[in-house]
Amino acid sequence: GVKVTAIGLGKQANVRELITIASEPKSEHVFTAFLDTL
């Protein structure tokens, strides 16, 4: 029952891994950003 939001930081972010971890819909629970845009 935990709603999981996964945020990848920087160029080394593993987006495939974040998608695996995050809740549905992925578009609302997976994000990538650099520290200055976070």
Full PDB file with SEQRES, HELIX, SHEET, SSBOND, CRYST1, ORIGX, SCALE, CONECT and MASTER records, all heavy atoms in Angstrom:
SEQRES   1 A   38  GLY VAL LYS VAL THR ALA ILE GLY LEU GLY LYS GLN ALA          
SEQRES   2 A   38  ASN VAL ARG GLU LEU ILE THR ILE ALA SER GLU PRO LYS          
SEQRES   3 A   38  SER GLU HIS VAL PHE THR ALA PHE LEU ASP THR LEU              
HELIX    1 AA1 VAL A   15  ILE A   21  1                                   7    
HELIX    2 AA2 LYS A   26  HIS A   29  1                                   4    
SHEET    1 AA1 2 ALA A   6  LEU A   9  0                                        
SHEET    2 AA1 2 VAL A  30  ALA A  33  1                                        
CRYST1    1.000    1.000    1.000  90.00  90.00  90.00 P 1           1          
ORIGX1      1.000000  0.000000  0.000000        0.00000                         
ORIGX2      0.000000  1.000000  0.000000        0.00000                         
ORIGX3      0.000000  0.000000  1.000000        0.00000                         
SCALE1      1.000000  0.000000  0.000000        0.00000                         
SCALE2      0.000000  1.000000  0.000000        0.00000                         
SCALE3      0.000000  0.000000  1.000000        0.00000                         
ATOM      1  N   GLY A   1       0.780  -1.228   0.000  1.00  0.00           N  
ATOM      2  CA  GLY A   1       0.000   0.000   0.000  1.00  0.00           C  
ATOM      3  C   GLY A   1       0.808   1.272   0.000  1.00  0.00           C  
ATOM      4  O   GLY A   1       0.235   2.367   0.064  1.00  0.00           O  
ATOM      5  N   VAL A   2       2.129   1.170  -0.106  1.00  0.00           N  
ATOM      6  CA  VAL A   2       2.976   2.363  -0.124  1.00  0.00           C  
ATOM      7  C   VAL A   2       3.004   2.949  -1.538  1.00  0.00           C  
ATOM      8  O   VAL A   2       3.273   2.233  -2.509  1.00  0.00           O  
ATOM      9  CB  VAL A   2       4.406   2.040   0.334  1.00  0.00           C  
ATOM     10  CG1 VAL A   2       5.288   3.283   0.258  1.00  0.00           C  
ATOM     11  CG2 VAL A   2       4.400   1.489   1.761  1.00  0.00           C  
ATOM     12  N   LYS A   3       2.732   4.236  -1.639  1.00  0.00           N  
ATOM     13  CA  LYS A   3       2.846   4.922  -2.927  1.00  0.00           C  
ATOM     14  C   LYS A   3       4.298   5.371  -3.080  1.00  0.00           C  
ATOM     15  O   LYS A   3       4.824   6.117  -2.263  1.00  0.00           O  
ATOM     16  CB  LYS A   3       1.911   6.127  -2.987  1.00  0.00           C  
ATOM     17  CG  LYS A   3       1.990   6.886  -4.319  1.00  0.00           C  
ATOM     18  CD  LYS A   3       1.007   8.041  -4.361  1.00  0.00           C  
ATOM     19  CE  LYS A   3      -0.408   7.550  -4.584  1.00  0.00           C  
ATOM     20  NZ  LYS A   3      -1.350   8.665  -4.862  1.00  0.00           N  
ATOM     21  N   VAL A   4       4.962   4.907  -4.142  1.00  0.00           N  
ATOM     22  CA  VAL A   4       6.399   5.120  -4.303  1.00  0.00           C  
ATOM     23  C   VAL A   4       6.676   6.113  -5.427  1.00  0.00           C  
ATOM     24  O   VAL A   4       6.279   5.887  -6.578  1.00  0.00           O  
ATOM     25  CB  VAL A   4       7.134   3.803  -4.600  1.00  0.00           C  
ATOM     26  CG1 VAL A   4       8.641   4.042  -4.696  1.00  0.00           C  
ATOM     27  CG2 VAL A   4       6.824   2.753  -3.523  1.00  0.00           C  
ATOM     28  N   THR A   5       7.365   7.197  -5.083  1.00  0.00           N  
ATOM     29  CA  THR A   5       7.842   8.168  -6.057  1.00  0.00           C  
ATOM     30  C   THR A   5       9.361   8.059  -6.130  1.00  0.00           C  
ATOM     31  O   THR A   5      10.042   8.090  -5.102  1.00  0.00           O  
ATOM     32  CB  THR A   5       7.460   9.601  -5.643  1.00  0.00           C  
ATOM     33  OG1 THR A   5       6.033   9.708  -5.609  1.00  0.00           O  
ATOM     34  CG2 THR A   5       8.017  10.629  -6.618  1.00  0.00           C  
ATOM     35  N   ALA A   6       9.901   7.890  -7.331  1.00  0.00           N  
ATOM     36  CA  ALA A   6      11.333   7.690  -7.526  1.00  0.00           C  
ATOM     37  C   ALA A   6      11.921   8.854  -8.310  1.00  0.00           C  
ATOM     38  O   ALA A   6      11.445   9.167  -9.411  1.00  0.00           O  
ATOM     39  CB  ALA A   6      11.594   6.371  -8.248  1.00  0.00           C  
ATOM     40  N   ILE A   7      12.939   9.486  -7.745  1.00  0.00           N  
ATOM     41  CA  ILE A   7      13.565  10.656  -8.353  1.00  0.00           C  
ATOM     42  C   ILE A   7      15.026  10.340  -8.631  1.00  0.00           C  
ATOM     43  O   ILE A   7      15.782   9.979  -7.720  1.00  0.00           O  
ATOM     44  CB  ILE A   7      13.467  11.881  -7.419  1.00  0.00           C  
ATOM     45  CG1 ILE A   7      12.013  12.140  -7.029  1.00  0.00           C  
ATOM     46  CG2 ILE A   7      14.080  13.112  -8.082  1.00  0.00           C  
ATOM     47  CD1 ILE A   7      11.862  13.134  -5.888  1.00  0.00           C  
ATOM     48  N   GLY A   8      15.433  10.464  -9.895  1.00  0.00           N  
ATOM     49  CA  GLY A   8      16.815  10.237 -10.284  1.00  0.00           C  
ATOM     50  C   GLY A   8      17.561  11.549 -10.390  1.00  0.00           C  
ATOM     51  O   GLY A   8      17.081  12.503 -11.011  1.00  0.00           O  
ATOM     52  N   LEU A   9      18.738  11.597  -9.799  1.00  0.00           N  
ATOM     53  CA  LEU A   9      19.523  12.827  -9.747  1.00  0.00           C  
ATOM     54  C   LEU A   9      20.756  12.719 -10.641  1.00  0.00           C  
ATOM     55  O   LEU A   9      21.547  11.776 -10.516  1.00  0.00           O  
ATOM     56  CB  LEU A   9      19.963  13.105  -8.306  1.00  0.00           C  
ATOM     57  CG  LEU A   9      18.850  13.187  -7.261  1.00  0.00           C  
ATOM     58  CD1 LEU A   9      19.444  13.360  -5.875  1.00  0.00           C  
ATOM     59  CD2 LEU A   9      17.902  14.329  -7.585  1.00  0.00           C  
ATOM     60  N   GLY A  10      20.908  13.687 -11.543  1.00  0.00           N  
ATOM     61  CA  GLY A  10      22.117  13.768 -12.343  1.00  0.00           C  
ATOM     62  C   GLY A  10      22.169  12.821 -13.520  1.00  0.00           C  
ATOM     63  O   GLY A  10      21.230  12.076 -13.805  1.00  0.00           O  
ATOM     64  N   LYS A  11      23.319  12.832 -14.197  1.00  0.00           N  
ATOM     65  CA  LYS A  11      23.492  12.081 -15.430  1.00  0.00           C  
ATOM     66  C   LYS A  11      23.547  10.571 -15.201  1.00  0.00           C  
ATOM     67  O   LYS A  11      23.317   9.798 -16.127  1.00  0.00           O  
ATOM     68  CB  LYS A  11      24.775  12.541 -16.142  1.00  0.00           C  
ATOM     69  CG  LYS A  11      24.715  13.962 -16.670  1.00  0.00           C  
ATOM     70  CD  LYS A  11      25.956  14.308 -17.456  1.00  0.00           C  
ATOM     71  CE  LYS A  11      27.182  14.378 -16.561  1.00  0.00           C  
ATOM     72  NZ  LYS A  11      28.382  14.832 -17.316  1.00  0.00           N  
ATOM     73  N   GLN A  12      23.893  10.145 -13.988  1.00  0.00           N  
ATOM     74  CA  GLN A  12      24.030   8.721 -13.717  1.00  0.00           C  
ATOM     75  C   GLN A  12      22.722   8.066 -13.272  1.00  0.00           C  
ATOM     76  O   GLN A  12      22.712   6.882 -12.933  1.00  0.00           O  
ATOM     77  CB  GLN A  12      25.100   8.512 -12.633  1.00  0.00           C  
ATOM     78  CG  GLN A  12      26.464   9.069 -12.986  1.00  0.00           C  
ATOM     79  CD  GLN A  12      27.007   8.491 -14.278  1.00  0.00           C  
ATOM     80  OE1 GLN A  12      26.921   7.282 -14.502  1.00  0.00           O  
ATOM     81  NE2 GLN A  12      27.545   9.346 -15.132  1.00  0.00           N  
ATOM     82  N   ALA A  13      21.637   8.830 -13.259  1.00  0.00           N  
ATOM     83  CA  ALA A  13      20.350   8.269 -12.830  1.00  0.00           C  
ATOM     84  C   ALA A  13      19.962   7.087 -13.711  1.00  0.00           C  
ATOM     85  O   ALA A  13      20.048   7.152 -14.940  1.00  0.00           O  
ATOM     86  CB  ALA A  13      19.273   9.345 -12.893  1.00  0.00           C  
ATOM     87  N   ASN A  14      19.548   6.001 -13.084  1.00  0.00           N  
ATOM     88  CA  ASN A  14      19.141   4.794 -13.798  1.00  0.00           C  
ATOM     89  C   ASN A  14      17.622   4.822 -13.948  1.00  0.00           C  
ATOM     90  O   ASN A  14      16.885   4.365 -13.067  1.00  0.00           O  
ATOM     91  CB  ASN A  14      19.596   3.559 -13.020  1.00  0.00           C  
ATOM     92  CG  ASN A  14      19.375   2.270 -13.786  1.00  0.00           C  
ATOM     93  OD1 ASN A  14      18.391   2.120 -14.514  1.00  0.00           O  
ATOM     94  ND2 ASN A  14      20.291   1.328 -13.627  1.00  0.00           N  
ATOM     95  N   VAL A  15      17.166   5.354 -15.061  1.00  0.00           N  
ATOM     96  CA  VAL A  15      15.740   5.579 -15.257  1.00  0.00           C  
ATOM     97  C   VAL A  15      14.972   4.255 -15.296  1.00  0.00           C  
ATOM     98  O   VAL A  15      13.874   4.147 -14.742  1.00  0.00           O  
ATOM     99  CB  VAL A  15      15.482   6.396 -16.543  1.00  0.00           C  
ATOM    100  CG1 VAL A  15      13.980   6.571 -16.773  1.00  0.00           C  
ATOM    101  CG2 VAL A  15      16.159   7.758 -16.446  1.00  0.00           C  
ATOM    102  N   ARG A  16      15.539   3.245 -15.922  1.00  0.00           N  
ATOM    103  CA  ARG A  16      14.879   1.941 -15.977  1.00  0.00           C  
ATOM    104  C   ARG A  16      14.629   1.403 -14.567  1.00  0.00           C  
ATOM    105  O   ARG A  16      13.562   0.871 -14.255  1.00  0.00           O  
ATOM    106  CB  ARG A  16      15.719   0.953 -16.784  1.00  0.00           C  
ATOM    107  CG  ARG A  16      15.060  -0.403 -16.996  1.00  0.00           C  
ATOM    108  CD  ARG A  16      16.013  -1.359 -17.694  1.00  0.00           C  
ATOM    109  NE  ARG A  16      16.390  -0.850 -19.004  1.00  0.00           N  
ATOM    110  CZ  ARG A  16      15.725  -1.071 -20.126  1.00  0.00           C  
ATOM    111  NH1 ARG A  16      14.608  -1.795 -20.070  1.00  0.00           N  
ATOM    112  NH2 ARG A  16      16.139  -0.593 -21.274  1.00  0.00           N  
ATOM    113  N   GLU A  17      15.605   1.599 -13.699  1.00  0.00           N  
ATOM    114  CA  GLU A  17      15.479   1.148 -12.314  1.00  0.00           C  
ATOM    115  C   GLU A  17      14.406   1.938 -11.573  1.00  0.00           C  
ATOM    116  O   GLU A  17      13.624   1.387 -10.795  1.00  0.00           O  
ATOM    117  CB  GLU A  17      16.834   1.297 -11.622  1.00  0.00           C  
ATOM    118  CG  GLU A  17      16.931   0.682 -10.261  1.00  0.00           C  
ATOM    119  CD  GLU A  17      18.351   0.730  -9.734  1.00  0.00           C  
ATOM    120  OE1 GLU A  17      19.157  -0.139 -10.143  1.00  0.00           O  
ATOM    121  OE2 GLU A  17      18.665   1.639  -8.934  1.00  0.00           O  
ATOM    122  N   LEU A  18      14.374   3.245 -11.807  1.00  0.00           N  
ATOM    123  CA  LEU A  18      13.368   4.088 -11.165  1.00  0.00           C  
ATOM    124  C   LEU A  18      11.963   3.663 -11.573  1.00  0.00           C  
ATOM    125  O   LEU A  18      11.046   3.613 -10.750  1.00  0.00           O  
ATOM    126  CB  LEU A  18      13.593   5.556 -11.535  1.00  0.00           C  
ATOM    127  CG  LEU A  18      14.939   6.176 -11.160  1.00  0.00           C  
ATOM    128  CD1 LEU A  18      15.024   7.607 -11.688  1.00  0.00           C  
ATOM    129  CD2 LEU A  18      15.153   6.156  -9.657  1.00  0.00           C  
ATOM    130  N   ILE A  19      11.801   3.343 -12.858  1.00  0.00           N  
ATOM    131  CA  ILE A  19      10.499   2.896 -13.363  1.00  0.00           C  
ATOM    132  C   ILE A  19      10.090   1.587 -12.701  1.00  0.00           C  
ATOM    133  O   ILE A  19       8.913   1.382 -12.359  1.00  0.00           O  
ATOM    134  CB  ILE A  19      10.545   2.754 -14.901  1.00  0.00           C  
ATOM    135  CG1 ILE A  19      10.676   4.139 -15.552  1.00  0.00           C  
ATOM    136  CG2 ILE A  19       9.313   2.021 -15.432  1.00  0.00           C  
ATOM    137  CD1 ILE A  19      10.952   4.097 -17.043  1.00  0.00           C  
ATOM    138  N   THR A  20      11.050   0.701 -12.496  1.00  0.00           N  
ATOM    139  CA  THR A  20      10.777  -0.579 -11.841  1.00  0.00           C  
ATOM    140  C   THR A  20      10.282  -0.382 -10.411  1.00  0.00           C  
ATOM    141  O   THR A  20       9.388  -1.094  -9.940  1.00  0.00           O  
ATOM    142  CB  THR A  20      12.047  -1.450 -11.825  1.00  0.00           C  
ATOM    143  OG1 THR A  20      12.460  -1.712 -13.174  1.00  0.00           O  
ATOM    144  CG2 THR A  20      11.817  -2.766 -11.092  1.00  0.00           C  
ATOM    145  N   ILE A  21      10.837   0.603  -9.721  1.00  0.00           N  
ATOM    146  CA  ILE A  21      10.530   0.818  -8.309  1.00  0.00           C  
ATOM    147  C   ILE A  21       9.222   1.577  -8.112  1.00  0.00           C  
ATOM    148  O   ILE A  21       8.464   1.291  -7.186  1.00  0.00           O  
ATOM    149  CB  ILE A  21      11.684   1.594  -7.631  1.00  0.00           C  
ATOM    150  CG1 ILE A  21      12.967   0.752  -7.642  1.00  0.00           C  
ATOM    151  CG2 ILE A  21      11.323   2.011  -6.209  1.00  0.00           C  
ATOM    152  CD1 ILE A  21      14.199   1.517  -7.227  1.00  0.00           C  
ATOM    153  N   ALA A  22       8.943   2.537  -8.973  1.00  0.00           N  
ATOM    154  CA  ALA A  22       7.875   3.512  -8.730  1.00  0.00           C  
ATOM    155  C   ALA A  22       6.474   2.947  -8.938  1.00  0.00           C  
ATOM    156  O   ALA A  22       6.263   1.951  -9.627  1.00  0.00           O  
ATOM    157  CB  ALA A  22       8.071   4.720  -9.636  1.00  0.00           C  
ATOM    158  N   SER A  23       5.512   3.639  -8.330  1.00  0.00           N  
ATOM    159  CA  SER A  23       4.099   3.307  -8.476  1.00  0.00           C  
ATOM    160  C   SER A  23       3.567   3.751  -9.832  1.00  0.00           C  
ATOM    161  O   SER A  23       4.190   4.548 -10.544  1.00  0.00           O  
ATOM    162  CB  SER A  23       3.290   3.982  -7.360  1.00  0.00           C  
ATOM    163  OG  SER A  23       3.633   3.476  -6.092  1.00  0.00           O  
ATOM    164  N   GLU A  24       2.400   3.240 -10.181  1.00  0.00           N  
ATOM    165  CA  GLU A  24       1.670   3.678 -11.375  1.00  0.00           C  
ATOM    166  C   GLU A  24       0.811   4.888 -11.029  1.00  0.00           C  
ATOM    167  O   GLU A  24       0.349   5.008  -9.895  1.00  0.00           O  
ATOM    168  CB  GLU A  24       0.783   2.550 -11.895  1.00  0.00           C  
ATOM    169  CG  GLU A  24       1.536   1.318 -12.364  1.00  0.00           C  
ATOM    170  CD  GLU A  24       2.212   1.490 -13.712  1.00  0.00           C  
ATOM    171  OE1 GLU A  24       2.011   2.549 -14.357  1.00  0.00           O  
ATOM    172  OE2 GLU A  24       2.943   0.585 -14.115  1.00  0.00           O  
ATOM    173  N   PRO A  25       0.540   5.770 -11.993  1.00  0.00           N  
ATOM    174  CA  PRO A  25       1.161   5.830 -13.313  1.00  0.00           C  
ATOM    175  C   PRO A  25       2.594   6.342 -13.217  1.00  0.00           C  
ATOM    176  O   PRO A  25       2.883   7.258 -12.433  1.00  0.00           O  
ATOM    177  CB  PRO A  25       0.259   6.804 -14.086  1.00  0.00           C  
ATOM    178  CG  PRO A  25      -0.330   7.685 -13.023  1.00  0.00           C  
ATOM    179  CD  PRO A  25      -0.480   6.827 -11.804  1.00  0.00           C  
ATOM    180  N   LYS A  26       3.481   5.761 -13.995  1.00  0.00           N  
ATOM    181  CA  LYS A  26       4.893   6.100 -13.914  1.00  0.00           C  
ATOM    182  C   LYS A  26       5.141   7.576 -14.235  1.00  0.00           C  
ATOM    183  O   LYS A  26       6.059   8.188 -13.682  1.00  0.00           O  
ATOM    184  CB  LYS A  26       5.704   5.227 -14.878  1.00  0.00           C  
ATOM    185  CG  LYS A  26       5.513   3.729 -14.682  1.00  0.00           C  
ATOM    186  CD  LYS A  26       5.978   3.254 -13.319  1.00  0.00           C  
ATOM    187  CE  LYS A  26       5.848   1.740 -13.202  1.00  0.00           C  
ATOM    188  NZ  LYS A  26       6.278   1.208 -11.888  1.00  0.00           N  
ATOM    189  N   SER A  27       4.315   8.142 -15.103  1.00  0.00           N  
ATOM    190  CA  SER A  27       4.500   9.540 -15.495  1.00  0.00           C  
ATOM    191  C   SER A  27       4.324  10.502 -14.325  1.00  0.00           C  
ATOM    192  O   SER A  27       4.810  11.631 -14.362  1.00  0.00           O  
ATOM    193  CB  SER A  27       3.516   9.915 -16.611  1.00  0.00           C  
ATOM    194  OG  SER A  27       2.172   9.760 -16.170  1.00  0.00           O  
ATOM    195  N   GLU A  28       3.630  10.064 -13.284  1.00  0.00           N  
ATOM    196  CA  GLU A  28       3.399  10.916 -12.124  1.00  0.00           C  
ATOM    197  C   GLU A  28       4.295  10.561 -10.941  1.00  0.00           C  
ATOM    198  O   GLU A  28       4.279  11.249  -9.919  1.00  0.00           O  
ATOM    199  CB  GLU A  28       1.931  10.821 -11.692  1.00  0.00           C  
ATOM    200  CG  GLU A  28       0.961  11.359 -12.736  1.00  0.00           C  
ATOM    201  CD  GLU A  28      -0.488  11.197 -12.316  1.00  0.00           C  
ATOM    202  OE1 GLU A  28      -0.741  10.659 -11.217  1.00  0.00           O  
ATOM    203  OE2 GLU A  28      -1.371  11.589 -13.096  1.00  0.00           O  
ATOM    204  N   HIS A  29       5.078   9.482 -11.077  1.00  0.00           N  
ATOM    205  CA  HIS A  29       5.870   9.009  -9.943  1.00  0.00           C  
ATOM    206  C   HIS A  29       7.334   8.768 -10.271  1.00  0.00           C  
ATOM    207  O   HIS A  29       8.078   8.289  -9.412  1.00  0.00           O  
ATOM    208  CB  HIS A  29       5.244   7.739  -9.370  1.00  0.00           C  
ATOM    209  CG  HIS A  29       3.876   7.950  -8.825  1.00  0.00           C  
ATOM    210  ND1 HIS A  29       3.628   8.662  -7.670  1.00  0.00           N  
ATOM    211  CD2 HIS A  29       2.660   7.581  -9.290  1.00  0.00           C  
ATOM    212  CE1 HIS A  29       2.328   8.704  -7.448  1.00  0.00           C  
ATOM    213  NE2 HIS A  29       1.723   8.064  -8.419  1.00  0.00           N  
ATOM    214  N   VAL A  30       7.761   9.107 -11.484  1.00  0.00           N  
ATOM    215  CA  VAL A  30       9.174   9.006 -11.861  1.00  0.00           C  
ATOM    216  C   VAL A  30       9.636  10.365 -12.371  1.00  0.00           C  
ATOM    217  O   VAL A  30       9.020  10.946 -13.275  1.00  0.00           O  
ATOM    218  CB  VAL A  30       9.401   7.932 -12.946  1.00  0.00           C  
ATOM    219  CG1 VAL A  30      10.872   7.918 -13.360  1.00  0.00           C  
ATOM    220  CG2 VAL A  30       8.993   6.555 -12.441  1.00  0.00           C  
ATOM    221  N   PHE A  31      10.727  10.854 -11.793  1.00  0.00           N  
ATOM    222  CA  PHE A  31      11.267  12.159 -12.161  1.00  0.00           C  
ATOM    223  C   PHE A  31      12.784  12.057 -12.278  1.00  0.00           C  
ATOM    224  O   PHE A  31      13.420  11.258 -11.577  1.00  0.00           O  
ATOM    225  CB  PHE A  31      10.925  13.223 -11.110  1.00  0.00           C  
ATOM    226  CG  PHE A  31       9.458  13.422 -10.882  1.00  0.00           C  
ATOM    227  CD1 PHE A  31       8.779  12.677  -9.930  1.00  0.00           C  
ATOM    228  CD2 PHE A  31       8.746  14.366 -11.609  1.00  0.00           C  
ATOM    229  CE1 PHE A  31       7.423  12.848  -9.716  1.00  0.00           C  
ATOM    230  CE2 PHE A  31       7.392  14.542 -11.417  1.00  0.00           C  
ATOM    231  CZ  PHE A  31       6.730  13.779 -10.463  1.00  0.00           C  
ATOM    232  N   THR A  32      13.344  12.869 -13.167  1.00  0.00           N  
ATOM    233  CA  THR A  32      14.793  13.024 -13.231  1.00  0.00           C  
ATOM    234  C   THR A  32      15.102  14.511 -13.196  1.00  0.00           C  
ATOM    235  O   THR A  32      14.348  15.325 -13.731  1.00  0.00           O  
ATOM    236  CB  THR A  32      15.387  12.407 -14.511  1.00  0.00           C  
ATOM    237  OG1 THR A  32      14.757  13.003 -15.655  1.00  0.00           O  
ATOM    238  CG2 THR A  32      15.190  10.898 -14.537  1.00  0.00           C  
ATOM    239  N   ALA A  33      16.202  14.847 -12.545  1.00  0.00           N  
ATOM    240  CA  ALA A  33      16.561  16.257 -12.412  1.00  0.00           C  
ATOM    241  C   ALA A  33      18.023  16.365 -12.035  1.00  0.00           C  
ATOM    242  O   ALA A  33      18.637  15.409 -11.545  1.00  0.00           O  
ATOM    243  CB  ALA A  33      15.697  16.933 -11.346  1.00  0.00           C  
ATOM    244  N   PHE A  34      18.579  17.540 -12.272  1.00  0.00           N  
ATOM    245  CA  PHE A  34      19.878  17.882 -11.728  1.00  0.00           C  
ATOM    246  C   PHE A  34      19.643  18.665 -10.440  1.00  0.00           C  
ATOM    247  O   PHE A  34      18.539  19.148 -10.182  1.00  0.00           O  
ATOM    248  CB  PHE A  34      20.686  18.703 -12.739  1.00  0.00           C  
ATOM    249  CG  PHE A  34      21.107  17.901 -13.944  1.00  0.00           C  
ATOM    250  CD1 PHE A  34      20.322  17.864 -15.082  1.00  0.00           C  
ATOM    251  CD2 PHE A  34      22.287  17.173 -13.916  1.00  0.00           C  
ATOM    252  CE1 PHE A  34      20.701  17.120 -16.191  1.00  0.00           C  
ATOM    253  CE2 PHE A  34      22.680  16.414 -15.017  1.00  0.00           C  
ATOM    254  CZ  PHE A  34      21.880  16.388 -16.151  1.00  0.00           C  
ATOM    255  N   LEU A  35      20.673  18.797  -9.634  1.00  0.00           N  
ATOM    256  CA  LEU A  35      20.486  19.429  -8.332  1.00  0.00           C  
ATOM    257  C   LEU A  35      19.959  20.858  -8.447  1.00  0.00           C  
ATOM    258  O   LEU A  35      19.146  21.296  -7.631  1.00  0.00           O  
ATOM    259  CB  LEU A  35      21.807  19.420  -7.553  1.00  0.00           C  
ATOM    260  CG  LEU A  35      22.234  18.053  -7.019  1.00  0.00           C  
ATOM    261  CD1 LEU A  35      23.603  18.143  -6.366  1.00  0.00           C  
ATOM    262  CD2 LEU A  35      21.221  17.511  -6.015  1.00  0.00           C  
ATOM    263  N   ASP A  36      20.398  21.581  -9.501  1.00  0.00           N  
ATOM    264  CA  ASP A  36      19.950  22.968  -9.618  1.00  0.00           C  
ATOM    265  C   ASP A  36      18.525  23.085 -10.141  1.00  0.00           C  
ATOM    266  O   ASP A  36      17.879  24.127  -9.976  1.00  0.00           O  
ATOM    267  CB  ASP A  36      20.903  23.791 -10.494  1.00  0.00           C  
ATOM    268  CG  ASP A  36      21.086  23.202 -11.878  1.00  0.00           C  
ATOM    269  OD1 ASP A  36      20.683  22.047 -12.098  1.00  0.00           O  
ATOM    270  OD2 ASP A  36      21.644  23.898 -12.749  1.00  0.00           O  
ATOM    271  N   THR A  37      17.993  22.029 -10.757  1.00  0.00           N  
ATOM    272  CA  THR A  37      16.615  22.068 -11.264  1.00  0.00           C  
ATOM    273  C   THR A  37      15.654  21.276 -10.375  1.00  0.00           C  
ATOM    274  O   THR A  37      14.451  21.282 -10.611  1.00  0.00           O  
ATOM    275  CB  THR A  37      16.540  21.511 -12.696  1.00  0.00           C  
ATOM    276  OG1 THR A  37      16.967  20.132 -12.696  1.00  0.00           O  
ATOM    277  CG2 THR A  37      17.440  22.303 -13.637  1.00  0.00           C  
ATOM    278  N   LEU A  38      16.182  20.607  -9.373  1.00  0.00           N  
ATOM    279  CA  LEU A  38      15.347  19.765  -8.517  1.00  0.00           C  
ATOM    280  C   LEU A  38      14.186  20.507  -7.872  1.00  0.00           C  
ATOM    281  O   LEU A  38      13.052  20.005  -7.860  1.00  0.00           O  
ATOM    282  CB  LEU A  38      16.224  19.102  -7.452  1.00  0.00           C  
ATOM    283  CG  LEU A  38      15.644  17.949  -6.643  1.00  0.00           C  
ATOM    284  CD1 LEU A  38      15.074  16.857  -7.544  1.00  0.00           C  
ATOM    285  CD2 LEU A  38      16.707  17.369  -5.725  1.00  0.00           C  
TER     286      LEU A  38                                                      
MASTER        0    0    0    2    2    0    0    6  285    1    0    3          
END                                                                             
